[in-house]
Amino acid sequence: MPNGGELKSSNVVLVLGMHRSGTSAISACLERLGVVMGSTLAKADEWNPKGYFEEREIVSFNDHLFDLAGCRWDSPLPPGRIEPAEWGPQAAQAATLLEKIFGGAPVWGFKDPRMCLLQSFWQPVFDSMLVAPKLLFVLRHPAEVAHSLARRDGISSKRAGWLWFTHLIGGLDYVSAESDCRLVDFSDLMNRPVQVMNDLCRWLDLTCEPSAIAQFSAEFISPQLSHGADAGSAEIPPLVLRAYDYWREVASSAGFSHAALHAPEWLQIREEFEHDIKPGLSMVGEFLDGDRQLAVADARLKTLSDGLAVAERFAVERLEKMTAMDAQLKLTSAALASVEKLAMERLQQVEKLNQQLQQVSEAYTLAERLALERLAALDKHQARS
């Protein structure tokens, strides 16, 4: 765990990808390989039963940035370009936050899908700290992401598809000519976890025992992590599917290629989005601008969640007290049983002594009677003589 020492600027990895894309699973792999992913990781829940492996303070900070920008992670479009001069205090807070969380860690990194929408804020922060994170993109079929988002948040497939797309292009904004990047498809992690982890180990120049990797892969990676693998693609926008197919091919052939960002096929997809899709999403965003319905719902949900957390903590405390009382009761019962056993033994000894005393008393009575008889006989004999 980091100890608050100097922040290392080398061997830093930033995990990028859409929500429900497998970023938690890949982050779990990184942590197993020795990468410090945070000090206060988000707890597991019904949606991620094996954990999120994301630093809660960074998630909270990014949500605060969204609030300041007047948007959310699921807004139709991400916030506009954030000018560093306008966000000076927040940039300083971000640098301090990273130093506090990861100071002293030899290899560190973090994941939060919100990072995909905040490149114009975070990139200057990294530059000011002389940190050039390696970029690990996690790709998952948009139909599977949509299926998972529908289960968790009730988001429609079409909307989920465009959220997937905006997170993809936002994440790619971090890439420069000097960036060291890798692209992992979630299906590859599910089907070939040992190979994926070995590739990451070599990429990050880490040392991990093959047996440990094999054991982690067998225990952590499971079909339960891949909800929606059979989800249909009918409602996913065709342009989104084209984007996935393109980058899936890139991942299969080279892991990542800077040239892929400038290939005619990808540039055509970007142009169609900018020309045909983005104006419509912008109109939806303007229509929803100032609408606090989701914010109010989130606030209510947070209140309920906080109340549930308090109730859960109270229940755990009561359970611990009851467990302690039960243990004490067992000890008391055992002590009483021991005392009862000892009392029975003493009672048996007393009864045995009573029997012996009765025998002695009877013998004494018999001896006394015999003595009296002998004495009477002696008196009678003396009287005759």
Protein backbone atom coordinates (compact mmCIF):
# COMPACT_ATOMS: atom_id res chain seq x y z
CA MET A 1 0.00 0.00 0.00
CA PRO A 2 1.21 3.54 -0.66
CA ASN A 3 2.73 5.23 2.35
CA GLY A 4 2.46 8.89 1.42
CA GLY A 5 6.00 9.13 0.04
CA GLU A 6 7.14 10.67 -3.21
CA LEU A 7 4.83 10.13 -6.18
CA LYS A 8 6.54 7.98 -8.80
CA SER A 9 5.96 9.31 -12.32
CA SER A 10 7.08 6.19 -14.18
CA ASN A 11 5.16 2.95 -14.70
CA VAL A 12 1.73 4.48 -14.23
CA VAL A 13 -1.28 2.93 -15.95
CA LEU A 14 -4.64 4.55 -16.67
CA VAL A 15 -7.50 2.14 -17.38
CA LEU A 16 -10.01 3.58 -19.85
CA GLY A 17 -13.30 2.16 -21.02
CA MET A 18 -17.06 2.51 -20.93
CA HIS A 19 -19.06 1.60 -17.83
CA ARG A 20 -19.88 -2.15 -17.71
CA SER A 21 -17.08 -2.89 -20.18
CA GLY A 22 -14.88 -5.03 -17.94
CA THR A 23 -12.66 -2.27 -16.55
CA SER A 24 -13.18 -3.69 -13.05
CA ALA A 25 -12.03 -7.15 -14.10
CA ILE A 26 -8.94 -5.82 -15.87
CA SER A 27 -8.17 -3.61 -12.85
CA ALA A 28 -8.41 -6.66 -10.60
CA CYS A 29 -5.81 -8.31 -12.84
CA LEU A 30 -3.55 -5.27 -12.53
CA GLU A 31 -3.85 -5.28 -8.75
CA ARG A 32 -2.96 -8.98 -8.67
CA LEU A 33 0.12 -8.20 -10.77
CA GLY A 34 1.25 -5.67 -8.17
CA VAL A 35 -0.20 -2.38 -9.42
CA VAL A 36 -1.55 -0.20 -6.60
CA MET A 37 -5.07 0.74 -7.75
CA GLY A 38 -5.98 2.90 -4.75
CA SER A 39 -6.30 2.90 -0.98
CA THR A 40 -10.09 3.09 -0.54
CA LEU A 41 -11.54 0.90 -3.28
CA ALA A 42 -15.27 0.83 -3.92
CA LYS A 43 -16.96 -2.14 -2.29
CA ALA A 44 -18.50 -5.03 -4.19
CA ASP A 45 -22.25 -5.02 -4.77
CA GLU A 46 -24.86 -6.96 -6.71
CA TRP A 47 -23.66 -5.46 -10.01
CA ASN A 48 -19.98 -6.14 -9.37
CA PRO A 49 -19.95 -8.98 -6.83
CA LYS A 50 -16.16 -9.31 -7.03
CA GLY A 51 -15.47 -5.60 -6.57
CA TYR A 52 -14.95 -2.46 -8.66
CA PHE A 53 -11.24 -1.95 -7.99
CA GLU A 54 -11.65 1.79 -8.39
CA GLU A 55 -10.55 4.48 -5.98
CA ARG A 56 -13.63 6.02 -4.36
CA GLU A 57 -12.01 9.42 -3.84
CA ILE A 58 -11.21 9.74 -7.55
CA VAL A 59 -14.76 8.75 -8.52
CA SER A 60 -16.15 11.32 -6.08
CA PHE A 61 -13.78 13.97 -7.42
CA ASN A 62 -14.81 13.28 -11.02
CA ASP A 63 -18.49 13.46 -10.09
CA HIS A 64 -17.73 16.85 -8.56
CA LEU A 65 -16.16 17.95 -11.85
CA PHE A 66 -19.31 16.87 -13.67
CA ASP A 67 -21.40 18.90 -11.25
CA LEU A 68 -19.28 21.97 -11.93
CA ALA A 69 -19.60 21.39 -15.68
CA GLY A 70 -23.37 20.92 -15.40
CA CYS A 71 -23.49 17.38 -16.76
CA ARG A 72 -23.34 13.71 -15.80
CA TRP A 73 -21.54 10.62 -17.05
CA ASP A 74 -24.70 9.60 -18.90
CA SER A 75 -25.42 12.99 -20.47
CA PRO A 76 -26.03 12.82 -24.25
CA LEU A 77 -22.66 14.46 -24.83
CA PRO A 78 -19.65 14.86 -22.53
CA PRO A 79 -18.76 18.29 -21.13
CA GLY A 80 -17.20 20.71 -23.56
CA ARG A 81 -13.49 21.35 -23.52
CA ILE A 82 -12.33 22.32 -20.04
CA GLU A 83 -9.83 25.16 -20.18
CA PRO A 84 -7.07 24.65 -17.58
CA ALA A 85 -7.04 28.36 -16.70
CA GLU A 86 -10.67 28.14 -15.58
CA TRP A 87 -10.10 25.05 -13.43
CA GLY A 88 -6.89 25.98 -11.62
CA PRO A 89 -8.08 25.20 -8.07
CA GLN A 90 -9.56 21.87 -9.16
CA ALA A 91 -6.35 20.95 -11.02
CA ALA A 92 -4.32 21.61 -7.87
CA GLN A 93 -6.76 19.48 -5.88
CA ALA A 94 -6.43 16.67 -8.41
CA ALA A 95 -2.63 16.68 -8.16
CA THR A 96 -2.80 16.69 -4.36
CA LEU A 97 -5.29 13.83 -4.46
CA LEU A 98 -3.03 11.65 -6.61
CA GLU A 99 -0.04 12.38 -4.38
CA LYS A 100 -2.04 11.48 -1.27
CA ILE A 101 -3.39 8.22 -2.68
CA PHE A 102 -0.40 6.93 -4.62
CA GLY A 103 2.61 8.58 -3.00
CA GLY A 104 5.27 5.96 -2.35
CA ALA A 105 3.72 3.34 -4.63
CA PRO A 106 6.35 1.89 -7.01
CA VAL A 107 3.73 1.02 -9.64
CA TRP A 108 0.32 2.61 -9.56
CA GLY A 109 -2.73 3.31 -11.63
CA PHE A 110 -6.46 3.76 -11.45
CA LYS A 111 -9.65 3.27 -13.35
CA ASP A 112 -12.82 5.27 -13.55
CA PRO A 113 -14.91 5.28 -16.74
CA ARG A 114 -15.61 8.97 -16.09
CA MET A 115 -12.00 9.65 -17.05
CA CYS A 116 -13.00 9.02 -20.68
CA LEU A 117 -15.08 12.21 -20.62
CA LEU A 118 -12.60 14.41 -18.74
CA GLN A 119 -9.45 14.27 -20.88
CA SER A 120 -9.27 18.04 -21.30
CA PHE A 121 -9.07 18.37 -17.50
CA TRP A 122 -6.86 15.44 -16.56
CA GLN A 123 -4.28 15.60 -19.33
CA PRO A 124 -2.93 19.01 -18.19
CA VAL A 125 -2.85 17.66 -14.62
CA PHE A 126 -0.73 14.71 -15.72
CA ASP A 127 1.52 17.02 -17.74
CA SER A 128 2.06 19.36 -14.79
CA MET A 129 3.08 16.39 -12.63
CA LEU A 130 5.38 15.00 -15.35
CA VAL A 131 3.29 11.84 -15.36
CA ALA A 132 2.81 10.06 -18.68
CA PRO A 133 0.46 7.18 -17.88
CA LYS A 134 0.39 4.11 -20.01
CA LEU A 135 -3.08 3.82 -21.49
CA LEU A 136 -4.98 0.55 -21.18
CA PHE A 137 -8.21 0.57 -23.19
CA VAL A 138 -10.85 -2.03 -22.36
CA LEU A 139 -13.23 -2.79 -25.21
CA ARG A 140 -16.51 -4.69 -24.98
CA HIS A 141 -19.25 -5.30 -27.50
CA PRO A 142 -21.74 -2.42 -27.19
CA ALA A 143 -24.70 -4.84 -27.17
CA GLU A 144 -23.31 -6.50 -24.03
CA VAL A 145 -22.70 -3.11 -22.43
CA ALA A 146 -26.25 -2.05 -23.31
CA HIS A 147 -27.66 -5.25 -21.81
CA SER A 148 -25.76 -4.64 -18.57
CA LEU A 149 -26.77 -0.96 -18.40
CA ALA A 150 -30.40 -1.88 -19.01
CA ARG A 151 -30.30 -4.29 -16.07
CA ARG A 152 -28.59 -1.82 -13.76
CA ASP A 153 -29.91 1.60 -14.82
CA GLY A 154 -32.80 0.98 -17.21
CA ILE A 155 -30.94 2.71 -20.06
CA SER A 156 -32.19 1.95 -23.57
CA SER A 157 -29.95 0.13 -26.04
CA LYS A 158 -29.77 3.06 -28.45
CA ARG A 159 -28.79 5.50 -25.73
CA ALA A 160 -26.29 3.02 -24.30
CA GLY A 161 -24.78 2.65 -27.76
CA TRP A 162 -24.09 6.37 -28.10
CA LEU A 163 -22.74 6.53 -24.54
CA TRP A 164 -20.40 3.70 -25.49
CA PHE A 165 -19.28 5.69 -28.54
CA THR A 166 -18.68 8.98 -26.71
CA HIS A 167 -16.67 7.18 -24.03
CA LEU A 168 -14.61 5.51 -26.75
CA ILE A 169 -13.68 8.71 -28.58
CA GLY A 170 -13.16 10.52 -25.25
CA GLY A 171 -10.73 7.85 -24.09
CA LEU A 172 -8.86 7.97 -27.39
CA ASP A 173 -8.33 11.72 -26.87
CA TYR A 174 -5.62 10.82 -24.34
CA VAL A 175 -3.52 9.22 -27.06
CA SER A 176 -0.55 11.16 -28.40
CA ALA A 177 2.34 10.10 -30.60
CA GLU A 178 4.37 9.30 -27.46
CA SER A 179 1.64 7.34 -25.67
CA ASP A 180 2.27 3.73 -24.73
CA CYS A 181 -1.10 2.06 -25.29
CA ARG A 182 -2.73 -1.35 -25.15
CA LEU A 183 -6.23 -2.39 -26.18
CA VAL A 184 -7.85 -5.43 -24.56
CA ASP A 185 -11.20 -6.84 -25.60
CA PHE A 186 -13.31 -8.16 -22.74
CA SER A 187 -14.01 -11.39 -24.59
CA ASP A 188 -10.26 -12.07 -24.78
CA LEU A 189 -9.98 -11.61 -21.02
CA MET A 190 -12.83 -14.07 -20.49
CA ASN A 191 -11.51 -16.66 -22.94
CA ARG A 192 -7.74 -16.29 -22.45
CA PRO A 193 -7.17 -14.70 -19.03
CA VAL A 194 -3.71 -16.18 -18.46
CA GLN A 195 -2.46 -14.92 -21.82
CA VAL A 196 -3.92 -11.44 -21.23
CA MET A 197 -2.35 -11.22 -17.77
CA ASN A 198 1.02 -12.40 -19.05
CA ASP A 199 0.88 -9.77 -21.80
CA LEU A 200 0.09 -7.06 -19.22
CA CYS A 201 2.89 -8.31 -17.00
CA ARG A 202 5.42 -7.95 -19.82
CA TRP A 203 4.01 -4.59 -20.91
CA LEU A 204 4.35 -3.12 -17.42
CA ASP A 205 7.69 -4.85 -16.79
CA LEU A 206 6.35 -6.61 -13.70
CA THR A 207 7.26 -9.94 -12.16
CA CYS A 208 4.56 -12.37 -11.16
CA GLU A 209 4.72 -16.12 -10.64
CA PRO A 210 2.97 -18.07 -13.43
CA SER A 211 1.26 -20.22 -10.81
CA ALA A 212 -0.18 -17.10 -9.14
CA ILE A 213 -1.51 -15.84 -12.48
CA ALA A 214 -3.05 -19.22 -13.26
CA GLN A 215 -4.65 -19.45 -9.82
CA PHE A 216 -6.06 -15.91 -10.00
CA SER A 217 -7.42 -16.52 -13.50
CA ALA A 218 -9.12 -19.72 -12.38
CA GLU A 219 -10.61 -18.18 -9.23
CA PHE A 220 -11.54 -14.66 -10.37
CA ILE A 221 -12.37 -14.87 -14.07
CA SER A 222 -15.68 -16.67 -14.46
CA PRO A 223 -18.75 -16.68 -16.76
CA GLN A 224 -20.65 -14.72 -14.09
CA LEU A 225 -18.56 -11.68 -15.07
CA SER A 226 -19.94 -11.77 -18.61
CA HIS A 227 -23.64 -10.94 -18.28
CA GLY A 228 -25.21 -10.22 -21.66
CA ALA A 229 -22.75 -12.20 -23.77
CA ASP A 230 -25.67 -13.33 -25.95
CA ALA A 231 -27.29 -9.90 -26.16
CA GLY A 232 -28.62 -9.02 -29.59
CA SER A 233 -27.32 -6.08 -31.60
CA ALA A 234 -30.55 -5.13 -33.38
CA GLU A 235 -31.14 -1.92 -31.39
CA ILE A 236 -27.51 -0.75 -31.34
CA PRO A 237 -26.90 2.08 -33.85
CA PRO A 238 -25.04 0.71 -36.92
CA LEU A 239 -22.32 3.36 -36.64
CA VAL A 240 -21.57 2.17 -33.09
CA LEU A 241 -21.27 -1.42 -34.29
CA ARG A 242 -18.92 -0.32 -37.08
CA ALA A 243 -16.76 1.46 -34.50
CA TYR A 244 -16.62 -1.66 -32.33
CA ASP A 245 -15.79 -3.94 -35.27
CA TYR A 246 -13.01 -1.58 -36.31
CA TRP A 247 -11.32 -1.40 -32.92
CA ARG A 248 -11.94 -5.09 -32.26
CA GLU A 249 -9.93 -5.82 -35.38
CA VAL A 250 -7.20 -3.45 -34.18
CA ALA A 251 -7.09 -5.26 -30.83
CA SER A 252 -6.89 -8.64 -32.54
CA SER A 253 -4.11 -7.67 -34.92
CA ALA A 254 -1.80 -5.35 -33.00
CA GLY A 255 -3.14 -4.71 -29.51
CA PHE A 256 -3.06 -1.02 -30.41
CA SER A 257 -1.80 1.03 -33.31
CA HIS A 258 -1.37 4.80 -33.39
CA ALA A 259 -1.91 4.60 -37.14
CA ALA A 260 -5.40 3.23 -36.47
CA LEU A 261 -6.45 6.68 -35.28
CA HIS A 262 -5.73 8.12 -38.72
CA ALA A 263 -6.95 5.27 -40.90
CA PRO A 264 -9.61 6.28 -43.48
CA GLU A 265 -12.17 3.85 -42.04
CA TRP A 266 -11.96 5.35 -38.55
CA LEU A 267 -11.87 8.92 -39.83
CA GLN A 268 -15.02 8.19 -41.83
CA ILE A 269 -16.75 6.88 -38.70
CA ARG A 270 -15.72 9.98 -36.76
CA GLU A 271 -16.92 12.27 -39.57
CA GLU A 272 -20.31 10.58 -39.76
CA PHE A 273 -20.70 10.95 -36.00
CA GLU A 274 -19.75 14.63 -36.03
CA HIS A 275 -21.96 15.42 -39.04
CA ASP A 276 -24.99 13.14 -38.62
CA ILE A 277 -25.25 12.20 -34.95
CA LYS A 278 -23.64 14.79 -32.73
CA PRO A 279 -26.04 17.65 -33.64
CA GLY A 280 -29.00 15.50 -32.58
CA LEU A 281 -27.35 14.53 -29.32
CA SER A 282 -26.52 18.19 -28.74
CA MET A 283 -30.20 19.10 -29.18
CA VAL A 284 -31.19 16.45 -26.65
CA GLY A 285 -28.57 17.83 -24.28
CA GLU A 286 -29.93 21.36 -24.67
CA PHE A 287 -33.46 20.08 -24.07
CA LEU A 288 -32.34 18.46 -20.82
CA ASP A 289 -30.16 21.37 -19.76
CA GLY A 290 -31.18 22.52 -16.31
CA ASP A 291 -33.43 19.50 -15.76
CA ARG A 292 -32.78 18.33 -12.21
CA GLN A 293 -34.93 15.19 -12.31
CA LEU A 294 -31.99 12.80 -12.50
CA ALA A 295 -30.02 14.81 -9.97
CA VAL A 296 -32.95 14.71 -7.54
CA ALA A 297 -33.39 10.99 -8.14
CA ASP A 298 -29.68 10.44 -7.55
CA ALA A 299 -29.84 12.47 -4.34
CA ARG A 300 -32.77 10.40 -3.11
CA LEU A 301 -31.00 7.21 -4.07
CA LYS A 302 -27.89 8.36 -2.22
CA THR A 303 -29.97 9.13 0.86
CA LEU A 304 -31.53 5.68 0.68
CA SER A 305 -28.13 4.09 0.12
CA ASP A 306 -26.65 5.97 3.05
CA GLY A 307 -29.58 4.92 5.22
CA LEU A 308 -29.17 1.34 4.08
CA ALA A 309 -25.46 1.51 4.88
CA VAL A 310 -26.26 2.77 8.39
CA ALA A 311 -28.84 0.03 8.85
CA GLU A 312 -26.38 -2.55 7.55
CA ARG A 313 -23.69 -1.30 9.92
CA PHE A 314 -26.17 -1.38 12.81
CA ALA A 315 -27.20 -4.91 11.85
CA VAL A 316 -23.57 -6.01 11.70
CA GLU A 317 -22.91 -4.47 15.13
CA ARG A 318 -25.97 -6.20 16.58
CA LEU A 319 -24.90 -9.46 14.99
CA GLU A 320 -21.42 -9.08 16.46
CA LYS A 321 -22.92 -8.39 19.89
CA MET A 322 -25.25 -11.36 19.58
CA THR A 323 -22.35 -13.53 18.47
CA ALA A 324 -20.33 -12.36 21.47
CA MET A 325 -23.29 -12.99 23.78
CA ASP A 326 -23.78 -16.42 22.25
CA ALA A 327 -20.11 -17.21 22.81
CA GLN A 328 -20.40 -15.99 26.42
CA LEU A 329 -23.55 -18.05 26.86
CA LYS A 330 -21.74 -21.12 25.58
CA LEU A 331 -18.89 -20.46 28.02
CA THR A 332 -21.37 -19.99 30.86
CA SER A 333 -23.25 -23.14 29.88
CA ALA A 334 -19.99 -25.06 29.73
CA ALA A 335 -19.03 -23.71 33.17
CA LEU A 336 -22.44 -24.63 34.59
CA ALA A 337 -22.16 -28.09 33.10
CA SER A 338 -18.74 -28.45 34.68
CA VAL A 339 -20.08 -27.29 38.06
CA GLU A 340 -23.05 -29.64 37.75
CA LYS A 341 -20.74 -32.53 36.94
CA LEU A 342 -18.53 -31.65 39.90
CA ALA A 343 -21.57 -31.40 42.17
CA MET A 344 -22.75 -34.82 41.03
CA GLU A 345 -19.32 -36.26 41.72
CA ARG A 346 -19.34 -34.66 45.18
CA LEU A 347 -22.85 -35.99 45.82
CA GLN A 348 -21.76 -39.47 44.85
CA GLN A 349 -18.77 -39.16 47.18
CA VAL A 350 -21.06 -38.00 50.01
CA GLU A 351 -23.41 -40.91 49.38
CA LYS A 352 -20.48 -43.29 49.40
CA LEU A 353 -19.23 -41.76 52.65
CA ASN A 354 -22.74 -42.02 54.12
CA GLN A 355 -22.80 -45.68 53.21
CA GLN A 356 -19.41 -46.19 54.84
CA LEU A 357 -20.57 -44.23 57.89
CA GLN A 358 -23.71 -46.36 58.08
CA GLN A 359 -21.60 -49.49 57.95
CA VAL A 360 -19.32 -48.14 60.67
CA SER A 361 -22.35 -47.17 62.78
CA GLU A 362 -23.87 -50.61 62.37
CA ALA A 363 -20.55 -52.26 63.26
CA TYR A 364 -20.26 -50.01 66.31
CA THR A 365 -23.79 -50.91 67.42
CA LEU A 366 -23.05 -54.59 66.95
CA ALA A 367 -19.81 -54.30 68.90
CA GLU A 368 -21.61 -52.40 71.66
CA ARG A 369 -24.32 -55.08 71.88
CA LEU A 370 -21.75 -57.85 71.97
CA ALA A 371 -19.81 -56.01 74.67
CA LEU A 372 -22.97 -55.63 76.78
CA GLU A 373 -23.81 -59.27 76.33
CA ARG A 374 -20.30 -60.29 77.39
CA LEU A 375 -20.50 -57.95 80.37
CA ALA A 376 -23.88 -59.37 81.42
CA ALA A 377 -22.56 -62.89 81.12
CA LEU A 378 -19.56 -61.98 83.22
CA ASP A 379 -21.77 -60.44 85.91
CA LYS A 380 -23.94 -63.54 85.97
CA HIS A 381 -20.92 -65.79 86.32
CA GLN A 382 -19.57 -63.76 89.23
CA ALA A 383 -22.93 -63.89 91.00
CA ARG A 384 -22.95 -67.70 90.92
CA SER A 385 -19.54 -67.99 92.42
